[in-house]
Amino acid sequence: MSFLFHKRTKKVLNIVWGFVAVLVMLGMVLFFAPGFVNLLTQ
């Protein structure tokens, strides 16, 4: 488990975590704002 504390692994995990957070935010916006999707698809 020591590889989890390696500097490079920490950087990669931060990038992956940021990507996941952005996907979750976009998913929540699209899920909770159905009118927003209609505006985009017109």
PDB file of N, CA and C in Angstrom:
ATOM      1  N   MET A   1       0.809  -1.205   0.000  1.00  0.00           N
ATOM      2  CA  MET A   1       0.000   0.000   0.000  1.00  0.00           C
ATOM      3  C   MET A   1       0.851   1.268   0.000  1.00  0.00           C
ATOM      4  N   SER A   2       2.177   1.127   0.057  1.00  0.00           N
ATOM      5  CA  SER A   2       3.021   2.323   0.122  1.00  0.00           C
ATOM      6  C   SER A   2       2.977   3.121  -1.176  1.00  0.00           C
ATOM      7  N   PHE A   3       2.548   2.472  -2.297  1.00  0.00           N
ATOM      8  CA  PHE A   3       2.490   3.204  -3.556  1.00  0.00           C
ATOM      9  C   PHE A   3       1.439   4.315  -3.503  1.00  0.00           C
ATOM     10  N   LEU A   4       0.472   4.203  -2.584  1.00  0.00           N
ATOM     11  CA  LEU A   4      -0.563   5.242  -2.459  1.00  0.00           C
ATOM     12  C   LEU A   4       0.024   6.574  -1.996  1.00  0.00           C
ATOM     13  N   PHE A   5       1.168   6.512  -1.307  1.00  0.00           N
ATOM     14  CA  PHE A   5       1.750   7.730  -0.758  1.00  0.00           C
ATOM     15  C   PHE A   5       2.881   8.273  -1.623  1.00  0.00           C
ATOM     16  N   HIS A   6       3.082   7.660  -2.788  1.00  0.00           N
ATOM     17  CA  HIS A   6       4.106   8.129  -3.709  1.00  0.00           C
ATOM     18  C   HIS A   6       3.654   9.451  -4.325  1.00  0.00           C
ATOM     19  N   LYS A   7       4.591  10.370  -4.568  1.00  0.00           N
ATOM     20  CA  LYS A   7       4.233  11.697  -5.072  1.00  0.00           C
ATOM     21  C   LYS A   7       3.487  11.624  -6.404  1.00  0.00           C
ATOM     22  N   ARG A   8       3.995  10.814  -7.330  1.00  0.00           N
ATOM     23  CA  ARG A   8       3.376  10.737  -8.653  1.00  0.00           C
ATOM     24  C   ARG A   8       1.969  10.157  -8.549  1.00  0.00           C
ATOM     25  N   THR A   9       1.809   9.127  -7.717  1.00  0.00           N
ATOM     26  CA  THR A   9       0.490   8.509  -7.547  1.00  0.00           C
ATOM     27  C   THR A   9      -0.483   9.517  -6.961  1.00  0.00           C
ATOM     28  N   LYS A  10      -0.006  10.330  -6.029  1.00  0.00           N
ATOM     29  CA  LYS A  10      -0.856  11.340  -5.409  1.00  0.00           C
ATOM     30  C   LYS A  10      -1.334  12.337  -6.461  1.00  0.00           C
ATOM     31  N   LYS A  11      -0.445  12.732  -7.372  1.00  0.00           N
ATOM     32  CA  LYS A  11      -0.796  13.681  -8.424  1.00  0.00           C
ATOM     33  C   LYS A  11      -1.836  13.071  -9.368  1.00  0.00           C
ATOM     34  N   VAL A  12      -1.621  11.819  -9.763  1.00  0.00           N
ATOM     35  CA  VAL A  12      -2.560  11.144 -10.662  1.00  0.00           C
ATOM     36  C   VAL A  12      -3.917  11.000  -9.985  1.00  0.00           C
ATOM     37  N   LEU A  13      -3.917  10.630  -8.707  1.00  0.00           N
ATOM     38  CA  LEU A  13      -5.183  10.483  -7.987  1.00  0.00           C
ATOM     39  C   LEU A  13      -5.922  11.812  -7.907  1.00  0.00           C
ATOM     40  N   ASN A  14      -5.201  12.910  -7.720  1.00  0.00           N
ATOM     41  CA  ASN A  14      -5.844  14.221  -7.691  1.00  0.00           C
ATOM     42  C   ASN A  14      -6.485  14.549  -9.030  1.00  0.00           C
ATOM     43  N   ILE A  15      -5.810  14.223 -10.125  1.00  0.00           N
ATOM     44  CA  ILE A  15      -6.363  14.488 -11.451  1.00  0.00           C
ATOM     45  C   ILE A  15      -7.605  13.634 -11.678  1.00  0.00           C
ATOM     46  N   VAL A  16      -7.512  12.348 -11.328  1.00  0.00           N
ATOM     47  CA  VAL A  16      -8.654  11.444 -11.509  1.00  0.00           C
ATOM     48  C   VAL A  16      -9.822  11.895 -10.639  1.00  0.00           C
ATOM     49  N   TRP A  17      -9.554  12.265  -9.397  1.00  0.00           N
ATOM     50  CA  TRP A  17     -10.615  12.708  -8.487  1.00  0.00           C
ATOM     51  C   TRP A  17     -11.281  13.977  -9.014  1.00  0.00           C
ATOM     52  N   GLY A  18     -10.488  14.898  -9.559  1.00  0.00           N
ATOM     53  CA  GLY A  18     -11.045  16.113 -10.143  1.00  0.00           C
ATOM     54  C   GLY A  18     -11.942  15.799 -11.329  1.00  0.00           C
ATOM     55  N   PHE A  19     -11.521  14.864 -12.160  1.00  0.00           N
ATOM     56  CA  PHE A  19     -12.307  14.455 -13.331  1.00  0.00           C
ATOM     57  C   PHE A  19     -13.633  13.847 -12.895  1.00  0.00           C
ATOM     58  N   VAL A  20     -13.584  12.975 -11.883  1.00  0.00           N
ATOM     59  CA  VAL A  20     -14.806  12.345 -11.363  1.00  0.00           C
ATOM     60  C   VAL A  20     -15.739  13.408 -10.795  1.00  0.00           C
ATOM     61  N   ALA A  21     -15.179  14.378 -10.064  1.00  0.00           N
ATOM     62  CA  ALA A  21     -16.000  15.439  -9.470  1.00  0.00           C
ATOM     63  C   ALA A  21     -16.699  16.249 -10.558  1.00  0.00           C
ATOM     64  N   VAL A  22     -15.993  16.563 -11.648  1.00  0.00           N
ATOM     65  CA  VAL A  22     -16.604  17.317 -12.747  1.00  0.00           C
ATOM     66  C   VAL A  22     -17.716  16.505 -13.387  1.00  0.00           C
ATOM     67  N   LEU A  23     -17.502  15.215 -13.591  1.00  0.00           N
ATOM     68  CA  LEU A  23     -18.548  14.372 -14.173  1.00  0.00           C
ATOM     69  C   LEU A  23     -19.788  14.329 -13.287  1.00  0.00           C
ATOM     70  N   VAL A  24     -19.580  14.215 -11.978  1.00  0.00           N
ATOM     71  CA  VAL A  24     -20.711  14.179 -11.047  1.00  0.00           C
ATOM     72  C   VAL A  24     -21.472  15.501 -11.105  1.00  0.00           C
ATOM     73  N   MET A  25     -20.742  16.623 -11.134  1.00  0.00           N
ATOM     74  CA  MET A  25     -21.412  17.923 -11.191  1.00  0.00           C
ATOM     75  C   MET A  25     -22.231  18.065 -12.479  1.00  0.00           C
ATOM     76  N   LEU A  26     -21.650  17.682 -13.606  1.00  0.00           N
ATOM     77  CA  LEU A  26     -22.383  17.763 -14.867  1.00  0.00           C
ATOM     78  C   LEU A  26     -23.613  16.862 -14.839  1.00  0.00           C
ATOM     79  N   GLY A  27     -23.458  15.670 -14.299  1.00  0.00           N
ATOM     80  CA  GLY A  27     -24.587  14.744 -14.188  1.00  0.00           C
ATOM     81  C   GLY A  27     -25.700  15.313 -13.326  1.00  0.00           C
ATOM     82  N   MET A  28     -25.332  15.943 -12.219  1.00  0.00           N
ATOM     83  CA  MET A  28     -26.350  16.526 -11.347  1.00  0.00           C
ATOM     84  C   MET A  28     -27.067  17.678 -12.032  1.00  0.00           C
ATOM     85  N   VAL A  29     -26.322  18.517 -12.747  1.00  0.00           N
ATOM     86  CA  VAL A  29     -26.941  19.638 -13.459  1.00  0.00           C
ATOM     87  C   VAL A  29     -27.927  19.109 -14.497  1.00  0.00           C
ATOM     88  N   LEU A  30     -27.512  18.119 -15.276  1.00  0.00           N
ATOM     89  CA  LEU A  30     -28.393  17.589 -16.321  1.00  0.00           C
ATOM     90  C   LEU A  30     -29.590  16.856 -15.719  1.00  0.00           C
ATOM     91  N   PHE A  31     -29.393  16.208 -14.574  1.00  0.00           N
ATOM     92  CA  PHE A  31     -30.474  15.435 -13.957  1.00  0.00           C
ATOM     93  C   PHE A  31     -31.507  16.343 -13.292  1.00  0.00           C
ATOM     94  N   PHE A  32     -31.044  17.390 -12.641  1.00  0.00           N
ATOM     95  CA  PHE A  32     -31.950  18.245 -11.874  1.00  0.00           C
ATOM     96  C   PHE A  32     -32.476  19.436 -12.669  1.00  0.00           C
ATOM     97  N   ALA A  33     -31.973  19.659 -13.897  1.00  0.00           N
ATOM     98  CA  ALA A  33     -32.440  20.780 -14.700  1.00  0.00           C
ATOM     99  C   ALA A  33     -32.838  20.292 -16.092  1.00  0.00           C
ATOM    100  N   PRO A  34     -34.014  19.651 -16.202  1.00  0.00           N
ATOM    101  CA  PRO A  34     -34.426  19.110 -17.513  1.00  0.00           C
ATOM    102  C   PRO A  34     -34.612  20.198 -18.565  1.00  0.00           C
ATOM    103  N   GLY A  35     -34.978  21.425 -18.167  1.00  0.00           N
ATOM    104  CA  GLY A  35     -35.127  22.510 -19.125  1.00  0.00           C
ATOM    105  C   GLY A  35     -33.802  22.893 -19.760  1.00  0.00           C
ATOM    106  N   PHE A  36     -32.718  22.701 -19.029  1.00  0.00           N
ATOM    107  CA  PHE A  36     -31.378  23.018 -19.524  1.00  0.00           C
ATOM    108  C   PHE A  36     -31.028  22.141 -20.726  1.00  0.00           C
ATOM    109  N   VAL A  37     -31.405  20.875 -20.681  1.00  0.00           N
ATOM    110  CA  VAL A  37     -31.142  19.961 -21.791  1.00  0.00           C
ATOM    111  C   VAL A  37     -31.924  20.395 -23.022  1.00  0.00           C
ATOM    112  N   ASN A  38     -33.172  20.831 -22.817  1.00  0.00           N
ATOM    113  CA  ASN A  38     -33.977  21.290 -23.950  1.00  0.00           C
ATOM    114  C   ASN A  38     -33.361  22.509 -24.615  1.00  0.00           C
ATOM    115  N   LEU A  39     -32.780  23.402 -23.811  1.00  0.00           N
ATOM    116  CA  LEU A  39     -32.126  24.574 -24.390  1.00  0.00           C
ATOM    117  C   LEU A  39     -30.926  24.175 -25.249  1.00  0.00           C
ATOM    118  N   LEU A  40     -30.178  23.184 -24.787  1.00  0.00           N
ATOM    119  CA  LEU A  40     -28.975  22.758 -25.515  1.00  0.00           C
ATOM    120  C   LEU A  40     -29.319  22.027 -26.811  1.00  0.00           C
ATOM    121  N   THR A  41     -30.415  21.284 -26.824  1.00  0.00           N
ATOM    122  CA  THR A  41     -30.712  20.412 -27.973  1.00  0.00           C
ATOM    123  C   THR A  41     -31.543  21.103 -29.033  1.00  0.00           C
ATOM    124  N   GLN A  42     -31.922  22.344 -28.855  1.00  0.00           N
ATOM    125  CA  GLN A  42     -32.719  23.038 -29.864  1.00  0.00           C
ATOM    126  C   GLN A  42     -31.845  23.546 -30.993  1.00  0.00           C
TER     127      GLN A  42
END
